[in-house]
Protein backbone atom coordinates (compact mmCIF):
# COMPACT_ATOMS: atom_id res chain seq x y z
CA MET A 1 122.81 88.85 97.96
CA VAL A 2 123.81 85.17 98.18
CA VAL A 3 123.21 85.14 101.95
CA GLY A 4 119.84 86.82 101.44
CA ALA A 5 118.96 84.29 98.72
CA LEU A 6 119.90 81.43 101.05
CA GLY A 7 117.49 82.88 103.61
CA VAL A 8 114.56 83.16 101.23
CA VAL A 9 114.92 81.10 98.06
CA PHE A 10 116.35 77.75 99.15
CA GLY A 11 114.33 76.98 102.26
CA ASP A 12 111.81 74.79 100.45
CA ILE A 13 114.20 72.59 98.50
CA GLY A 14 116.77 72.69 101.30
CA THR A 15 114.41 71.08 103.80
CA SER A 16 113.27 68.27 101.50
CA PRO A 17 115.80 65.84 103.09
CA ILE A 18 113.68 65.90 106.28
CA TYR A 19 110.81 63.93 104.78
CA THR A 20 111.69 62.58 101.30
CA LEU A 21 113.30 59.20 102.09
CA GLN A 22 110.94 58.67 105.03
CA THR A 23 107.97 59.13 102.67
CA VAL A 24 109.41 56.85 99.97
CA PHE A 25 109.71 53.91 102.38
CA ASN A 26 106.56 54.73 104.37
CA PRO A 27 104.88 51.35 105.12
CA GLY A 28 101.48 53.07 105.14
CA ASP A 29 101.83 54.08 101.49
CA PRO A 30 99.15 52.57 99.25
CA HIS A 31 102.03 51.43 96.99
CA PRO A 32 104.84 50.73 99.51
CA VAL A 33 108.49 50.40 98.48
CA PRO A 34 110.07 47.39 100.25
CA VAL A 35 113.24 48.15 102.20
CA SER A 36 116.08 46.24 100.56
CA VAL A 37 119.68 46.97 99.64
CA GLU A 38 118.84 47.14 95.95
CA ASN A 39 115.87 49.44 96.49
CA VAL A 40 117.83 51.80 98.76
CA TYR A 41 120.56 52.22 96.14
CA GLY A 42 117.95 52.72 93.43
CA VAL A 43 115.92 55.27 95.38
CA VAL A 44 118.93 57.34 96.47
CA SER A 45 120.27 57.30 92.90
CA LEU A 46 116.88 58.39 91.54
CA ILE A 47 116.75 61.23 94.06
CA PHE A 48 120.24 62.43 93.09
CA TRP A 49 119.62 62.35 89.35
CA SER A 50 116.15 63.86 89.66
CA VAL A 51 117.66 66.81 91.51
CA MET A 52 120.42 67.15 88.93
CA ILE A 53 118.10 66.97 85.91
CA ILE A 54 115.15 68.99 87.18
CA VAL A 55 116.72 71.56 89.48
CA THR A 56 120.27 72.01 88.20
CA VAL A 57 119.66 71.58 84.47
CA THR A 58 116.03 72.64 83.91
CA TYR A 59 115.90 75.54 86.35
CA VAL A 60 119.35 76.78 87.38
CA LEU A 61 121.13 76.34 84.04
CA LEU A 62 118.23 76.87 81.60
CA ALA A 63 114.98 78.45 82.84
CA THR A 64 116.61 81.24 84.85
CA ARG A 65 118.11 82.56 81.60
CA ALA A 66 114.61 83.42 80.40
CA ASP A 67 113.72 86.47 82.48
CA ASN A 68 111.32 89.34 81.94
CA ASP A 69 113.29 92.44 82.95
CA GLY A 70 114.84 90.47 85.80
CA GLU A 71 111.59 88.78 86.89
CA GLY A 72 111.40 85.01 86.75
CA GLY A 73 108.76 82.34 87.20
CA ILE A 74 106.06 80.91 85.02
CA MET A 75 104.24 84.27 84.70
CA ALA A 76 107.45 85.80 83.32
CA LEU A 77 107.52 83.09 80.65
CA ILE A 78 103.90 83.84 79.78
CA THR A 79 104.78 87.53 79.39
CA LEU A 80 107.69 86.66 77.09
CA LEU A 81 105.51 84.38 74.98
CA ARG A 82 102.90 87.10 74.56
CA ARG A 83 105.54 89.69 73.77
CA TRP A 84 107.53 87.72 71.22
CA GLY A 85 104.86 85.52 69.69
CA THR A 86 104.71 86.26 65.93
CA GLN A 87 101.37 86.56 64.18
CA ARG A 88 101.86 83.17 62.54
CA ARG A 89 102.55 81.55 65.87
CA ARG A 90 100.23 83.74 67.89
CA ARG A 91 97.59 81.07 68.32
CA THR A 92 100.15 78.56 69.60
CA ALA A 93 101.60 81.18 71.97
CA LEU A 94 98.12 81.97 73.33
CA VAL A 95 97.36 78.27 73.89
CA LEU A 96 100.68 77.82 75.71
CA ALA A 97 99.99 80.97 77.73
CA GLY A 98 96.72 79.38 78.84
CA VAL A 99 98.60 76.24 79.86
CA GLY A 100 101.05 78.49 81.70
CA ILE A 101 98.21 80.13 83.63
CA PHE A 102 97.22 76.68 84.87
CA GLY A 103 100.86 76.12 85.90
CA ALA A 104 100.82 79.40 87.81
CA SER A 105 97.56 78.31 89.43
CA LEU A 106 99.22 75.08 90.58
CA PHE A 107 102.04 77.16 92.06
CA PHE A 108 99.49 78.90 94.28
CA GLY A 109 98.56 75.41 95.49
CA ASP A 110 102.24 74.74 96.16
CA SER A 111 102.42 78.01 98.11
CA MET A 112 99.62 76.82 100.37
CA ILE A 113 100.86 73.25 100.87
CA THR A 114 104.61 73.95 101.37
CA PRO A 115 104.35 75.91 104.64
CA ALA A 116 101.98 73.31 106.07
CA ILE A 117 104.01 70.20 105.20
CA SER A 118 107.41 71.79 105.89
CA VAL A 119 106.70 73.13 109.36
CA LEU A 120 104.70 70.03 110.32
CA SER A 121 107.56 67.74 109.26
CA ALA A 122 110.06 69.62 111.42
CA VAL A 123 107.88 69.93 114.52
CA GLU A 124 107.07 66.22 114.20
CA GLY A 125 110.70 65.66 115.18
CA LEU A 126 109.48 66.26 118.73
CA LYS A 127 107.88 62.81 118.59
CA VAL A 128 111.32 61.29 117.90
CA VAL A 129 112.79 63.14 120.89
CA GLU A 130 109.82 62.49 123.21
CA PRO A 131 106.73 60.58 121.94
CA SER A 132 104.48 62.15 124.60
CA LEU A 133 104.88 65.54 122.88
CA GLY A 134 102.94 64.35 119.82
CA ASN A 135 99.75 66.22 120.78
CA LEU A 136 101.62 69.54 120.67
CA VAL A 137 102.72 69.22 117.04
CA VAL A 138 99.66 70.84 115.42
CA PRO A 139 99.26 73.78 117.90
CA ILE A 140 102.99 74.62 117.73
CA THR A 141 102.89 74.44 113.94
CA ALA A 142 99.92 76.81 113.79
CA MET A 143 101.63 79.38 116.06
CA ILE A 144 104.80 79.29 113.96
CA ILE A 145 102.87 79.80 110.73
CA VAL A 146 100.92 82.77 112.11
CA ALA A 147 104.18 84.40 113.27
CA LEU A 148 105.75 83.82 109.84
CA PHE A 149 102.98 85.59 107.95
CA LEU A 150 102.93 88.47 110.43
CA VAL A 151 106.58 89.37 109.68
CA GLN A 152 106.17 89.38 105.89
CA LYS A 153 105.43 93.10 105.76
CA ARG A 154 108.99 93.83 106.91
CA GLY A 155 110.17 92.85 103.43
CA THR A 156 112.17 90.12 101.75
CA ALA A 157 115.55 91.75 102.36
CA ALA A 158 115.01 92.08 106.11
CA VAL A 159 113.69 88.52 106.33
CA GLY A 160 116.59 87.23 104.24
CA ARG A 161 119.20 88.91 106.44
CA VAL A 162 117.76 87.15 109.49
CA PHE A 163 117.16 83.80 107.81
CA GLY A 164 120.36 83.66 105.71
CA PRO A 165 122.77 82.78 108.56
CA VAL A 166 120.24 80.22 109.86
CA MET A 167 120.20 78.48 106.49
CA ILE A 168 123.99 78.51 106.27
CA ALA A 169 124.04 76.74 109.64
CA TRP A 170 121.32 74.35 108.42
CA PHE A 171 123.14 73.29 105.27
CA THR A 172 126.40 72.94 107.17
CA VAL A 173 124.81 70.69 109.81
CA ILE A 174 122.94 68.40 107.39
CA GLY A 175 126.05 68.13 105.21
CA VAL A 176 128.29 67.22 108.17
CA PHE A 177 125.92 64.57 109.51
CA GLY A 178 125.47 63.28 105.98
CA ILE A 179 129.24 62.73 105.84
CA VAL A 180 129.09 60.93 109.20
CA GLY A 181 126.41 58.62 107.83
CA ILE A 182 128.39 57.97 104.64
CA ALA A 183 131.49 57.12 106.69
CA GLY A 184 129.51 54.32 108.38
CA HIS A 185 128.58 52.75 105.05
CA PRO A 186 130.69 54.33 102.25
CA GLU A 187 129.34 51.89 99.65
CA ILE A 188 126.32 54.21 99.38
CA LEU A 189 128.45 56.47 97.15
CA ARG A 190 127.81 53.98 94.36
CA ALA A 191 124.31 55.48 94.15
CA LEU A 192 125.82 58.54 92.43
CA SER A 193 126.14 56.39 89.31
CA PRO A 194 123.15 56.76 86.97
CA THR A 195 123.23 53.00 86.36
CA TYR A 196 121.56 52.41 89.73
CA ALA A 197 118.70 54.82 88.91
CA ALA A 198 118.27 53.35 85.43
CA GLY A 199 118.52 49.79 86.75
CA PHE A 200 115.92 50.46 89.45
CA LEU A 201 113.49 51.91 86.90
CA ALA A 202 114.08 49.20 84.30
CA GLY A 203 114.35 46.20 86.61
CA HIS A 204 111.69 47.09 89.18
CA PHE A 205 109.42 49.47 87.26
CA ASP A 206 106.33 48.37 89.17
CA VAL A 207 107.99 49.55 92.41
CA ALA A 208 110.06 52.44 91.03
CA PHE A 209 107.14 54.06 89.21
CA PHE A 210 105.07 54.44 92.37
CA ALA A 211 108.19 55.53 94.30
CA LEU A 212 108.48 58.55 91.97
CA ALA A 213 105.40 60.06 93.64
CA ALA A 214 107.48 60.45 96.82
CA ILE A 215 110.90 61.00 95.18
CA VAL A 216 109.47 64.17 93.63
CA LEU A 217 109.55 65.67 97.14
CA ALA A 218 113.32 66.06 96.66
CA VAL A 219 112.72 68.71 93.96
CA THR A 220 109.97 70.68 95.69
CA GLY A 221 111.01 74.30 95.68
CA ALA A 222 112.53 74.20 92.19
CA GLU A 223 109.87 76.56 90.83
CA ALA A 224 110.44 78.89 93.79
CA LEU A 225 114.08 79.30 92.68
CA TYR A 226 112.78 80.65 89.39
CA ALA A 227 109.82 82.62 90.75
CA ASP A 228 112.05 84.35 93.35
CA MET A 229 114.67 85.36 90.79
CA GLY A 230 113.38 88.93 90.76
CA HIS A 231 114.14 89.20 94.47
CA PHE A 232 117.86 88.37 94.28
CA GLY A 233 118.93 87.86 90.67
CA ARG A 234 120.14 84.82 88.73
CA ARG A 235 123.77 85.00 89.83
CA ALA A 236 123.10 84.84 93.56
CA ILE A 237 120.66 81.95 93.12
CA THR A 238 123.06 79.98 90.90
CA GLN A 239 126.01 80.43 93.27
CA GLY A 240 123.99 79.54 96.35
CA TRP A 241 122.68 76.37 94.72
CA LEU A 242 125.90 75.04 93.21
CA PHE A 243 128.29 75.82 96.06
CA LEU A 244 126.23 75.11 99.18
CA VAL A 245 122.65 73.88 98.79
CA LEU A 246 123.21 71.08 96.26
CA PRO A 247 126.27 69.54 98.01
CA ALA A 248 124.60 69.66 101.45
CA CYS A 249 121.35 68.05 100.25
CA VAL A 250 123.17 65.31 98.32
CA LEU A 251 125.33 64.48 101.35
CA SER A 252 122.23 64.28 103.55
CA TYR A 253 120.43 61.92 101.17
CA LEU A 254 123.52 59.70 100.89
CA GLY A 255 123.96 59.68 104.66
CA GLN A 256 120.34 58.70 105.24
CA GLY A 257 120.63 55.96 102.64
CA ALA A 258 123.72 54.61 104.42
CA LEU A 259 121.83 54.66 107.74
CA ILE A 260 118.97 52.60 106.27
CA LEU A 261 121.45 50.11 104.81
CA ALA A 262 122.99 49.72 108.27
CA ASP A 263 119.61 49.07 109.91
CA PRO A 264 116.31 49.00 107.96
CA ALA A 265 114.47 50.02 111.16
CA ASN A 266 115.93 53.51 110.72
CA VAL A 267 113.52 54.06 107.82
CA SER A 268 110.97 55.41 110.33
CA SER A 269 112.82 58.76 110.57
CA PRO A 270 116.22 58.54 108.85
CA PHE A 271 116.84 62.28 108.90
CA PHE A 272 116.61 62.72 112.67
CA LEU A 273 118.08 59.28 113.50
CA LEU A 274 121.20 60.21 111.52
CA VAL A 275 122.05 62.47 114.47
CA PRO A 276 123.12 61.13 117.89
CA ALA A 277 120.48 61.28 120.64
CA TRP A 278 122.11 64.33 122.28
CA GLY A 279 121.78 66.37 119.09
CA ARG A 280 118.21 65.55 118.09
CA LEU A 281 116.41 68.24 120.08
CA PRO A 282 118.76 71.01 118.80
CA LEU A 283 118.27 69.58 115.28
CA VAL A 284 114.48 69.73 115.69
CA LEU A 285 114.78 73.41 116.65
CA LEU A 286 117.10 74.12 113.71
CA ALA A 287 114.86 72.13 111.36
CA THR A 288 111.83 74.11 112.54
CA ALA A 289 113.63 77.36 111.78
CA ALA A 290 114.70 75.99 108.38
CA THR A 291 111.17 74.91 107.47
CA VAL A 292 109.84 78.32 108.38
CA ILE A 293 112.33 79.60 105.83
CA ALA A 294 111.13 76.90 103.41
CA SER A 295 107.73 78.51 103.62
CA GLN A 296 109.31 81.88 102.89
CA ALA A 297 110.50 80.69 99.47
CA VAL A 298 107.02 79.95 98.15
CA ILE A 299 105.37 82.89 99.93
CA THR A 300 107.63 85.40 98.18
CA GLY A 301 107.19 83.43 94.97
CA ALA A 302 103.41 83.76 95.33
CA TYR A 303 103.79 87.53 95.74
CA SER A 304 105.73 87.69 92.47
CA VAL A 305 103.30 85.47 90.57
CA ALA A 306 100.25 87.42 91.81
CA ALA A 307 101.81 90.81 90.99
CA GLN A 308 102.78 89.66 87.49
CA ALA A 309 99.31 88.14 86.96
CA ALA A 310 97.75 91.51 87.85
CA GLN A 311 100.06 93.30 85.39
CA LEU A 312 99.02 90.88 82.64
CA GLY A 313 95.33 91.36 83.38
CA TYR A 314 94.64 87.96 84.97
CA LEU A 315 93.92 89.46 88.41
CA PRO A 316 92.61 92.86 89.56
CA ARG A 317 95.05 95.61 90.49
CA LEU A 318 96.41 94.58 93.89
CA ARG A 319 98.13 96.74 96.45
CA VAL A 320 101.84 95.95 96.10
CA ALA A 321 104.40 97.31 98.58
CA HIS A 322 107.98 97.43 97.31
CA THR A 323 110.43 96.76 100.11
CA SER A 324 113.84 97.38 98.50
CA GLU A 325 115.43 100.27 96.62
CA THR A 326 117.97 97.99 94.91
CA GLU A 327 115.81 95.02 93.82
CA ARG A 328 112.53 95.85 92.09
CA GLY A 329 111.28 92.30 92.61
CA GLN A 330 111.27 92.48 96.41
CA ILE A 331 107.61 93.07 97.14
CA TYR A 332 104.90 92.42 99.69
CA VAL A 333 101.29 91.84 98.62
CA PRO A 334 98.99 92.06 101.68
CA TRP A 335 95.93 90.40 100.11
CA VAL A 336 97.95 87.37 98.98
CA ASN A 337 99.66 87.19 102.38
CA TRP A 338 96.44 86.89 104.38
CA VAL A 339 94.75 84.48 101.96
CA LEU A 340 97.79 82.21 102.12
CA MET A 341 97.86 82.34 105.92
CA VAL A 342 94.23 81.26 106.24
CA SER A 343 94.72 78.52 103.62
CA VAL A 344 97.86 77.13 105.26
CA LEU A 345 96.25 77.02 108.71
CA THR A 346 93.23 75.23 107.22
CA LEU A 347 95.51 72.56 105.72
CA VAL A 348 97.40 72.11 109.01
CA PHE A 349 94.23 71.50 111.01
CA ALA A 350 92.64 69.37 108.28
CA PHE A 351 95.57 67.01 107.52
CA ARG A 352 97.43 67.20 110.87
CA SER A 353 100.58 65.38 109.61
CA SER A 354 103.25 65.82 106.95
CA THR A 355 102.72 62.27 105.67
CA ALA A 356 99.05 62.96 104.94
CA LEU A 357 100.04 66.05 102.92
CA ALA A 358 102.92 64.42 101.02
CA TYR A 359 100.83 63.10 98.13
CA ALA A 360 99.11 66.43 97.67
CA PHE A 361 102.49 68.15 97.60
CA GLY A 362 103.92 66.18 94.69
CA MET A 363 101.04 66.85 92.30
CA ALA A 364 101.39 70.63 92.57
CA VAL A 365 105.15 70.47 92.04
CA THR A 366 105.22 68.10 89.08
CA GLY A 367 102.48 69.94 87.21
CA THR A 368 104.20 73.31 87.51
CA ILE A 369 107.63 71.90 86.59
CA THR A 370 106.31 70.18 83.45
CA ILE A 371 104.52 73.31 82.21
CA THR A 372 107.55 75.51 82.90
CA THR A 373 109.77 73.13 80.91
CA LEU A 374 107.34 73.13 77.98
CA LEU A 375 107.06 76.93 77.88
CA PHE A 376 110.82 77.40 78.18
CA PHE A 377 111.64 75.20 75.18
CA TYR A 378 109.01 76.89 73.04
CA PHE A 379 110.41 80.29 73.99
CA ALA A 380 114.00 79.15 73.35
CA ARG A 381 113.00 78.03 69.86
CA THR A 382 110.93 81.07 68.86
CA ARG A 383 112.92 83.84 70.53
CA TRP A 384 116.49 82.55 70.73
CA HIS A 385 116.16 80.53 67.52
CA ALA A 386 117.94 77.55 69.06
CA PRO A 387 118.49 74.69 66.56
CA ALA A 388 115.46 72.45 66.21
CA TRP A 389 117.46 69.29 66.95
CA VAL A 390 118.81 70.77 70.20
CA ILE A 391 115.29 71.75 71.28
CA GLY A 392 113.95 68.36 70.27
CA VAL A 393 116.55 66.34 72.15
CA GLY A 394 116.50 68.57 75.24
CA ALA A 395 112.70 68.71 75.43
CA ALA A 396 112.38 64.95 74.87
CA VAL A 397 114.75 64.13 77.73
CA LEU A 398 113.49 66.66 80.26
CA LEU A 399 109.79 66.32 79.49
CA THR A 400 110.04 62.52 79.67
CA VAL A 401 111.42 62.83 83.19
CA ASP A 402 108.75 65.39 84.14
CA LEU A 403 105.88 63.36 82.69
CA LEU A 404 107.03 60.23 84.53
CA PHE A 405 106.66 62.17 87.78
CA VAL A 406 103.26 63.52 86.74
CA ALA A 407 102.01 60.03 85.87
CA ALA A 408 103.26 58.63 89.18
CA ASN A 409 101.50 61.36 91.13
CA MET A 410 98.27 60.79 89.22
CA THR A 411 98.10 57.40 90.93
CA LYS A 412 97.77 59.26 94.24
CA LEU A 413 94.65 61.22 93.28
CA ALA A 414 92.50 59.42 95.81
CA HIS A 415 95.12 59.90 98.54
CA GLY A 416 95.44 63.71 98.45
CA ALA A 417 96.78 64.57 94.98
CA TRP A 418 93.28 65.91 94.19
CA LEU A 419 93.87 68.87 96.50
CA PRO A 420 96.42 70.86 94.42
CA LEU A 421 94.44 70.05 91.28
CA LEU A 422 91.33 71.50 92.93
CA ILE A 423 93.25 74.60 94.05
CA GLY A 424 94.81 74.92 90.61
CA LEU A 425 91.50 74.59 88.78
CA THR A 426 89.91 77.13 91.13
CA MET A 427 92.67 79.70 90.59
CA PHE A 428 92.73 78.97 86.84
CA THR A 429 88.99 79.63 86.67
CA VAL A 430 89.33 82.88 88.64
CA MET A 431 92.21 84.19 86.51
CA THR A 432 90.76 83.26 83.11
CA THR A 433 87.36 84.61 84.14
CA TRP A 434 88.89 87.90 85.23
CA GLN A 435 90.92 88.15 82.02
CA LYS A 436 87.86 87.59 79.82
CA GLY A 437 85.57 89.83 81.89
CA ARG A 438 88.17 92.58 81.96
CA ARG A 439 88.47 92.43 78.18
CA LEU A 440 84.71 92.78 77.79
CA VAL A 441 84.46 95.66 80.27
CA THR A 442 87.46 97.48 78.76
CA ALA A 443 85.94 97.29 75.27
CA GLU A 444 82.60 98.67 76.51
CA ARG A 445 84.34 101.33 78.59
CA GLN A 446 86.43 102.52 75.65
CA ARG A 447 83.29 102.69 73.51
CA ARG A 448 81.57 104.89 76.11
CA GLU A 449 84.61 107.05 76.76
CA GLY A 450 85.27 107.94 73.13
CA SER A 451 88.21 109.94 71.80
CA LEU A 452 89.61 112.51 74.22
CA ARG A 453 90.77 114.92 71.53
CA GLU A 454 87.37 114.82 69.79
CA PHE A 455 85.67 115.49 73.12
CA VAL A 456 87.92 118.51 73.80
CA ALA A 457 87.25 119.80 70.28
CA ASP A 458 83.48 119.51 70.87
CA LEU A 459 83.82 121.48 74.11
CA ARG A 460 85.75 124.22 72.34
CA SER A 461 83.28 124.45 69.44
CA GLY A 462 80.31 124.66 71.80
CA GLU A 463 78.79 121.44 70.52
CA GLU A 464 78.74 120.36 74.14
CA PRO A 465 77.14 123.41 75.86
CA THR A 466 78.67 123.80 79.31
CA THR A 467 78.96 126.35 82.08
CA VAL A 468 82.54 127.05 83.14
CA VAL A 469 82.91 127.35 86.90
CA PRO A 470 86.04 128.49 88.77
CA GLY A 471 88.32 125.87 90.26
CA THR A 472 90.59 122.99 89.35
CA ALA A 473 89.31 119.52 88.49
CA VAL A 474 91.65 116.53 88.21
CA PHE A 475 90.41 113.42 86.39
CA LEU A 476 92.46 110.25 86.71
CA ASN A 477 92.56 108.22 83.51
CA ARG A 478 94.49 105.26 82.06
CA GLY A 479 95.96 107.32 79.19
CA LYS A 480 95.24 110.23 76.89
CA GLU A 481 93.47 108.38 74.10
CA THR A 482 90.02 108.22 75.70
CA THR A 483 87.87 110.58 77.77
CA PRO A 484 87.49 109.88 81.51
CA LEU A 485 83.95 108.64 82.14
CA ALA A 486 83.62 110.98 85.12
CA MET A 487 84.48 114.00 82.93
CA ARG A 488 82.07 112.98 80.18
CA ALA A 489 79.28 112.44 82.74
CA ASN A 490 79.94 115.83 84.35
CA VAL A 491 79.62 117.59 81.00
CA GLU A 492 76.75 115.61 79.49
CA HIS A 493 74.55 115.42 82.61
CA ASN A 494 75.56 118.44 84.70
CA HIS A 495 76.56 120.65 81.74
CA VAL A 496 79.42 122.07 83.75
CA ARG A 497 83.20 122.00 83.78
CA HIS A 498 85.94 123.76 85.74
CA ASP A 499 88.05 126.49 84.22
CA HIS A 500 91.14 124.33 84.84
CA VAL A 501 90.86 120.64 83.95
CA VAL A 502 93.75 118.21 84.33
CA ILE A 503 93.43 114.68 82.93
CA MET A 504 96.13 112.67 84.65
CA SER A 505 97.73 109.31 83.90
CA ILE A 506 100.14 107.47 86.21
CA GLU A 507 103.13 105.44 85.03
CA ILE A 508 105.23 103.23 87.32
CA LEU A 509 108.77 102.89 85.96
CA PRO A 510 111.25 100.02 86.68
CA VAL A 511 113.52 102.30 88.77
CA PRO A 512 113.40 103.02 92.52
CA ARG A 513 112.83 106.75 92.20
CA VAL A 514 112.20 109.19 89.34
CA PRO A 515 114.17 112.48 89.35
CA ALA A 516 112.05 115.60 89.82
CA ASP A 517 112.89 116.94 86.34
CA GLN A 518 111.53 113.74 84.75
CA ARG A 519 108.41 113.49 86.90
CA VAL A 520 105.76 115.01 84.63
CA ASP A 521 104.96 115.61 80.96
CA VAL A 522 102.21 118.01 79.86
CA ASP A 523 100.15 117.77 76.67
CA ARG A 524 97.78 120.66 75.87
CA LEU A 525 95.65 118.36 73.68
CA GLY A 526 95.81 120.69 70.69
CA TYR A 527 94.70 123.99 72.28
CA ALA A 528 96.62 126.44 74.44
CA ASP A 529 93.74 128.55 75.79
CA ASP A 530 90.94 126.17 76.86
CA GLY A 531 92.32 125.28 80.32
CA ILE A 532 92.29 121.52 79.54
CA THR A 533 95.59 119.65 79.70
CA HIS A 534 96.79 116.09 79.99
CA VAL A 535 99.53 115.30 82.52
CA THR A 536 101.55 112.09 82.63
CA ALA A 537 103.14 111.57 86.06
CA ARG A 538 105.95 109.03 86.44
CA PHE A 539 106.94 107.37 89.70
CA GLY A 540 109.50 104.77 90.69
CA TYR A 541 108.44 101.48 92.18
CA MET A 542 109.62 102.56 95.65
CA GLU A 543 107.54 105.75 95.56
CA THR A 544 103.91 106.20 96.52
CA PRO A 545 102.20 107.84 93.53
CA ASP A 546 101.41 111.26 94.99
CA VAL A 547 99.05 112.97 92.56
CA PRO A 548 98.69 116.30 94.46
CA GLY A 549 102.47 116.47 94.92
CA ALA A 550 103.11 115.93 91.23
CA LEU A 551 100.56 118.59 90.27
CA ALA A 552 102.15 121.07 92.67
CA SER A 553 105.44 120.80 90.76
CA LEU A 554 103.89 121.95 87.47
CA ASP A 555 104.70 125.31 85.94
CA ALA A 556 101.62 127.54 85.56
CA ALA A 557 102.61 128.35 81.96
CA ALA A 558 102.46 124.67 81.01
CA THR A 559 98.97 124.18 82.45
CA GLU A 560 97.44 127.31 80.94
CA GLY A 561 97.25 129.04 84.29
CA ARG A 562 97.95 128.32 87.96
CA LEU A 563 96.33 125.20 89.33
CA ARG A 564 94.58 125.68 92.68
CA ILE A 565 95.88 122.44 94.21
CA GLU A 566 94.76 123.22 97.76
CA SER A 567 91.10 123.31 96.70
CA ALA A 568 91.21 121.00 93.68
CA SER A 569 88.56 118.35 93.21
CA TYR A 570 89.72 114.86 92.22
CA PHE A 571 87.38 112.73 90.14
CA LEU A 572 87.54 108.96 89.92
CA SER A 573 85.55 106.94 87.41
CA LYS A 574 84.11 103.93 89.19
CA ILE A 575 82.60 101.08 87.23
CA GLU A 576 79.64 99.30 88.83
CA LEU A 577 79.44 95.83 87.30
CA GLN A 578 76.13 94.05 86.77
CA CYS A 579 75.10 90.68 85.33
CA GLY A 580 73.55 91.31 81.95
CA PRO A 581 71.57 89.12 79.55
CA ALA A 582 74.25 89.09 76.84
CA PRO A 583 75.72 85.59 76.27
CA THR A 584 79.30 86.75 76.89
CA MET A 585 79.97 84.33 79.75
CA ALA A 586 78.09 81.79 81.81
CA ARG A 587 76.06 83.46 84.56
CA TRP A 588 78.16 81.87 87.32
CA ARG A 589 81.34 83.22 85.69
CA LYS A 590 79.79 86.69 85.53
CA ARG A 591 79.10 86.51 89.27
CA LEU A 592 82.66 85.28 89.87
CA PHE A 593 84.06 88.19 87.84
CA ILE A 594 82.02 90.73 89.80
CA ALA A 595 83.05 89.15 93.13
CA THR A 596 86.73 89.19 92.11
CA SER A 597 86.52 92.90 91.29
CA HIS A 598 86.02 93.67 94.99
CA ILE A 599 89.64 92.76 95.85
CA ALA A 600 91.05 95.55 93.68
CA ALA A 601 93.16 98.13 95.50
CA ASP A 602 91.46 101.41 96.43
CA ALA A 603 92.45 104.04 93.85
CA ALA A 604 92.18 107.03 96.20
CA GLU A 605 94.53 105.39 98.69
CA SER A 606 96.91 104.17 95.97
CA PHE A 607 97.36 107.67 94.54
CA ALA A 608 97.37 109.65 97.82
CA LEU A 609 94.22 111.59 96.97
CA PRO A 610 92.71 113.73 99.75
CA ARG A 611 89.50 111.94 100.77
CA GLY A 612 87.57 115.14 101.43
CA ASN A 613 88.26 116.45 97.92
CA THR A 614 87.73 113.20 96.02
CA VAL A 615 84.54 112.59 94.05
CA VAL A 616 83.74 109.09 92.83
CA MET A 617 81.37 109.01 89.86
CA GLY A 618 79.93 105.63 88.98
CA SER A 619 78.90 104.10 85.70
CA HIS A 620 77.06 100.82 85.23
CA ILE A 621 78.42 98.27 82.80
CA GLU A 622 76.78 94.93 82.19
CA VAL A 623 78.83 91.80 81.59
């Protein structure tokens, strides 16, 4: 599990040494940091303590303890807030959940920017090896990114097994060359003292503040550690970070700092220049492989966030493929995969260099980190009942650090930081619009459906005159409280029903597979001789919900007679959405809601219904 986690979770943060120091001292920065001995010590110290405070303390030691049935990430925190928020604090919890949705939206921006900047930064090493190869950087990057997204359907575990050994080699190499750099200028070890970070901030705040916008690149990938927790578990992530990733990254930063102290000209590409000329081309190849893996961390994180958002009602039901029988969190979401691929390629061709993307990168990261920290401390206080003074001190320290980074990145709005904010606002608008529209449609649908038991009673009493025809009809429904719209329409408009009617609900349980004897429950809905029953079918997350197969396992005595599965008709209730005059939402949001509904997974395919025997009955609902 640790090897798999190394191959998936740590790629993003583990490749930050490639471009962080280079970006800090970039002479083309609108707020450049002069190269001096004092500034090098201060920057390296700030990088080290930022990593320790944000990644080690905030995420690895604290946030990963707040999981939702093993799932991590900002959407898991939102779920916990909604679950445990008391009535008195419900309004606060809902407001924070809204803030959390914006944080999740920013993470989608991170998921688009990370593959672009990571792979570009590694392939740009070709220009250090041979400047004439510069024109090939963008085409090679695009081909690598396409290949990466094409292999996602093989699953996180398979990808992790391939990538894990590569990342072990990566961290070993950057750690070793970091030691070599430190040996040339061992005084750089002084930067481990927090006095250098504090002194740089206090004594040169005008320089240090703007430097934070680039120093934040050292903690990119922190949210992916948390979001990917459902894929590998907290223990594997903690062990991988503390025993390999953290030491290797720190050694690399120290080694690069020592190299710059030895010759300020090395600031142009300290990561690659730390290696002798004979090793730079192999390092470029290894770095390219590592940055592909860096992309993997946020891609799998985006799968988790999207799947959890759909479960919470912030996105339509998406097709989710589970790829592991041992870890429920290992999933593949095709729609998210292809949207990300197109977005990443667009960024590569639009920005064409890692430096141009660097400012955009930091804004997405700092926003998500700050919101995660805020939600965690609120949850720790309300659910774990941690002492108020502990929460106050901890939140004050960590949020001060986070907000400093946010403020520094706000100064880069005109230089690319607007991009993740635009992506975040777009996703936030989509998710909140879907959540509100779904609530409106659900309320109207429940009103039209009415009580299932009352409907069955009316059929039995003859209040709803119907002709009973031979055959078996299966109506899929969300539960057994309300009547399927397709069934109500069949009775009220066609005045007909089958002699065997099954109303079926599907439940997906948090286990790989459900034993056959626990597959179905039957409820006769109050009468044992009317041929109408409700069936609840349970499936594990690794199973394809097979409705005909579940029905075939039923005992004829339980369903008031033998079901004719081979000739059964399956009815789906399809809602056709229309813009209505009611002032429920702005007209443009209504159109957005209707457009978003088209990405929902096909129900017939999801539940293995035979196409030739499936009837879709529509109903118009205005929003």
